[in-house]
Amino acid sequence: MHEIHIQCPYCLQAVTILLDTGVYENTTVVEDCEVCCRPIEVSYDVYAGEVTSYSYESIEGNEF
């Protein structure tokens, strides 16, 4: 597992997300924000058991 720290695209709070490094190549997961519980889509690349890049975005519209 690899821990990343991001800013929630909805509530703008800092959150921590764990990414599974046991997967291969590009993976997309949906994780809920620890603060506002809204879904965040995280896409990331794994090479040799290490996360090489990641990006994230909101799934729902941002009403705030």
N, C-alpha and C. Protein backbone atom coordinates (compact mmCIF):
# COMPACT_ATOMS: atom_id res chain seq x y z
N MET A 1 0.84 -1.18 0.00
CA MET A 1 0.00 0.00 0.00
C MET A 1 0.90 1.25 0.00
N HIS A 2 0.38 2.27 -0.67
CA HIS A 2 1.09 3.55 -0.75
C HIS A 2 0.13 4.64 -0.30
N GLU A 3 0.58 5.49 0.61
CA GLU A 3 -0.25 6.55 1.15
C GLU A 3 -0.02 7.85 0.39
N ILE A 4 -1.12 8.49 -0.06
CA ILE A 4 -1.01 9.81 -0.68
C ILE A 4 -1.86 10.81 0.10
N HIS A 5 -1.47 12.04 0.03
CA HIS A 5 -2.19 13.12 0.71
C HIS A 5 -2.70 14.06 -0.38
N ILE A 6 -4.02 14.27 -0.39
CA ILE A 6 -4.63 15.12 -1.41
C ILE A 6 -5.57 16.12 -0.76
N GLN A 7 -6.07 17.04 -1.56
CA GLN A 7 -7.08 17.99 -1.11
C GLN A 7 -8.40 17.58 -1.73
N CYS A 8 -9.41 17.36 -0.91
CA CYS A 8 -10.72 16.94 -1.41
C CYS A 8 -11.25 17.99 -2.38
N PRO A 9 -11.69 17.57 -3.58
CA PRO A 9 -12.21 18.53 -4.55
C PRO A 9 -13.57 19.12 -4.16
N TYR A 10 -14.21 18.57 -3.14
CA TYR A 10 -15.51 19.07 -2.69
C TYR A 10 -15.36 20.03 -1.50
N CYS A 11 -14.82 19.52 -0.39
CA CYS A 11 -14.75 20.31 0.84
C CYS A 11 -13.40 20.98 1.05
N LEU A 12 -12.43 20.69 0.19
CA LEU A 12 -11.10 21.30 0.19
C LEU A 12 -10.26 20.96 1.42
N GLN A 13 -10.66 19.93 2.16
CA GLN A 13 -9.89 19.49 3.32
C GLN A 13 -8.80 18.51 2.89
N ALA A 14 -7.72 18.46 3.65
CA ALA A 14 -6.65 17.50 3.39
C ALA A 14 -7.12 16.11 3.80
N VAL A 15 -6.93 15.13 2.92
CA VAL A 15 -7.31 13.75 3.22
C VAL A 15 -6.19 12.81 2.81
N THR A 16 -6.17 11.65 3.41
CA THR A 16 -5.18 10.62 3.11
C THR A 16 -5.89 9.46 2.43
N ILE A 17 -5.29 8.95 1.37
CA ILE A 17 -5.85 7.81 0.64
C ILE A 17 -4.76 6.76 0.48
N LEU A 18 -5.13 5.50 0.70
CA LEU A 18 -4.20 4.40 0.50
C LEU A 18 -4.41 3.77 -0.87
N LEU A 19 -3.33 3.63 -1.63
CA LEU A 19 -3.38 3.03 -2.96
C LEU A 19 -2.73 1.65 -2.91
N ASP A 20 -3.36 0.68 -3.54
CA ASP A 20 -2.87 -0.68 -3.59
C ASP A 20 -1.74 -0.78 -4.62
N THR A 21 -0.54 -1.13 -4.17
CA THR A 21 0.59 -1.25 -5.09
C THR A 21 0.74 -2.67 -5.64
N GLY A 22 -0.19 -3.54 -5.30
CA GLY A 22 -0.16 -4.91 -5.80
C GLY A 22 -0.81 -5.05 -7.17
N VAL A 23 -1.29 -3.95 -7.73
CA VAL A 23 -1.91 -3.96 -9.05
C VAL A 23 -0.85 -3.64 -10.10
N TYR A 24 -1.20 -3.82 -11.36
CA TYR A 24 -0.25 -3.57 -12.44
C TYR A 24 -0.74 -2.46 -13.34
N GLU A 25 0.17 -1.64 -13.77
CA GLU A 25 -0.07 -0.55 -14.72
C GLU A 25 -1.09 0.45 -14.20
N ASN A 26 -2.05 0.88 -15.03
CA ASN A 26 -2.98 1.94 -14.65
C ASN A 26 -4.20 1.37 -13.93
N THR A 27 -4.58 2.01 -12.83
CA THR A 27 -5.72 1.57 -12.04
C THR A 27 -6.54 2.80 -11.64
N THR A 28 -7.85 2.64 -11.60
CA THR A 28 -8.75 3.70 -11.15
C THR A 28 -9.61 3.15 -10.02
N VAL A 29 -9.67 3.89 -8.92
CA VAL A 29 -10.49 3.51 -7.77
C VAL A 29 -11.33 4.70 -7.35
N VAL A 30 -12.39 4.43 -6.61
CA VAL A 30 -13.22 5.49 -6.04
C VAL A 30 -13.12 5.37 -4.53
N GLU A 31 -12.69 6.46 -3.90
CA GLU A 31 -12.56 6.51 -2.44
C GLU A 31 -13.42 7.66 -1.93
N ASP A 32 -14.05 7.48 -0.78
CA ASP A 32 -14.83 8.54 -0.18
C ASP A 32 -13.94 9.45 0.66
N CYS A 33 -14.21 10.74 0.61
CA CYS A 33 -13.48 11.71 1.43
C CYS A 33 -13.72 11.37 2.90
N GLU A 34 -12.66 11.43 3.71
CA GLU A 34 -12.77 11.15 5.14
C GLU A 34 -13.59 12.21 5.87
N VAL A 35 -13.70 13.40 5.30
CA VAL A 35 -14.37 14.52 5.96
C VAL A 35 -15.82 14.64 5.52
N CYS A 36 -16.06 14.78 4.21
CA CYS A 36 -17.43 15.03 3.72
C CYS A 36 -18.09 13.78 3.12
N CYS A 37 -17.36 12.68 3.02
CA CYS A 37 -17.88 11.38 2.57
C CYS A 37 -18.33 11.36 1.09
N ARG A 38 -17.88 12.31 0.29
CA ARG A 38 -18.25 12.33 -1.13
C ARG A 38 -17.18 11.57 -1.93
N PRO A 39 -17.57 10.99 -3.07
CA PRO A 39 -16.65 10.13 -3.83
C PRO A 39 -15.60 10.90 -4.63
N ILE A 40 -14.37 10.40 -4.55
CA ILE A 40 -13.24 10.95 -5.30
C ILE A 40 -12.68 9.83 -6.17
N GLU A 41 -12.55 10.09 -7.47
CA GLU A 41 -11.98 9.10 -8.39
C GLU A 41 -10.48 9.33 -8.46
N VAL A 42 -9.71 8.28 -8.14
CA VAL A 42 -8.25 8.36 -8.14
C VAL A 42 -7.73 7.39 -9.20
N SER A 43 -6.94 7.91 -10.13
CA SER A 43 -6.28 7.09 -11.14
C SER A 43 -4.79 7.11 -10.85
N TYR A 44 -4.17 5.94 -10.92
CA TYR A 44 -2.74 5.90 -10.63
C TYR A 44 -2.04 4.80 -11.42
N ASP A 45 -0.73 4.98 -11.59
CA ASP A 45 0.12 4.03 -12.29
C ASP A 45 1.07 3.38 -11.31
N VAL A 46 1.25 2.07 -11.46
CA VAL A 46 2.18 1.32 -10.62
C VAL A 46 3.21 0.65 -11.51
N TYR A 47 4.47 0.78 -11.13
CA TYR A 47 5.55 0.10 -11.84
C TYR A 47 6.48 -0.49 -10.80
N ALA A 48 6.72 -1.79 -10.89
CA ALA A 48 7.61 -2.50 -9.97
C ALA A 48 7.22 -2.28 -8.51
N GLY A 49 5.90 -2.29 -8.25
CA GLY A 49 5.42 -2.16 -6.88
C GLY A 49 5.44 -0.76 -6.32
N GLU A 50 5.72 0.24 -7.15
CA GLU A 50 5.77 1.63 -6.70
C GLU A 50 4.78 2.47 -7.49
N VAL A 51 4.10 3.39 -6.82
CA VAL A 51 3.21 4.32 -7.51
C VAL A 51 4.09 5.35 -8.22
N THR A 52 3.95 5.44 -9.55
CA THR A 52 4.78 6.36 -10.33
C THR A 52 4.08 7.68 -10.61
N SER A 53 2.75 7.67 -10.64
CA SER A 53 2.00 8.91 -10.83
C SER A 53 0.56 8.68 -10.40
N TYR A 54 -0.12 9.78 -10.08
CA TYR A 54 -1.54 9.68 -9.74
C TYR A 54 -2.23 11.00 -10.05
N SER A 55 -3.54 10.92 -10.22
CA SER A 55 -4.38 12.10 -10.39
C SER A 55 -5.72 11.79 -9.74
N TYR A 56 -6.48 12.83 -9.42
CA TYR A 56 -7.77 12.61 -8.79
C TYR A 56 -8.73 13.72 -9.21
N GLU A 57 -10.03 13.39 -9.13
CA GLU A 57 -11.06 14.37 -9.49
C GLU A 57 -12.37 14.00 -8.83
N SER A 58 -13.26 14.97 -8.80
CA SER A 58 -14.59 14.72 -8.24
C SER A 58 -15.40 13.90 -9.25
N ILE A 59 -16.35 13.16 -8.75
CA ILE A 59 -17.25 12.39 -9.60
C ILE A 59 -18.56 13.14 -9.76
N GLU A 60 -19.04 13.71 -8.67
CA GLU A 60 -20.28 14.47 -8.67
C GLU A 60 -19.97 15.92 -8.99
N GLY A 61 -21.02 16.69 -9.26
CA GLY A 61 -20.84 18.13 -9.41
C GLY A 61 -20.44 18.74 -8.08
N ASN A 62 -19.70 19.81 -8.12
CA ASN A 62 -19.26 20.47 -6.89
C ASN A 62 -20.23 21.60 -6.56
N GLU A 63 -21.12 21.37 -5.60
CA GLU A 63 -22.16 22.34 -5.25
C GLU A 63 -21.68 23.39 -4.26
N PHE A 64 -20.50 23.27 -3.72
CA PHE A 64 -20.02 24.22 -2.70
C PHE A 64 -19.49 25.48 -3.34
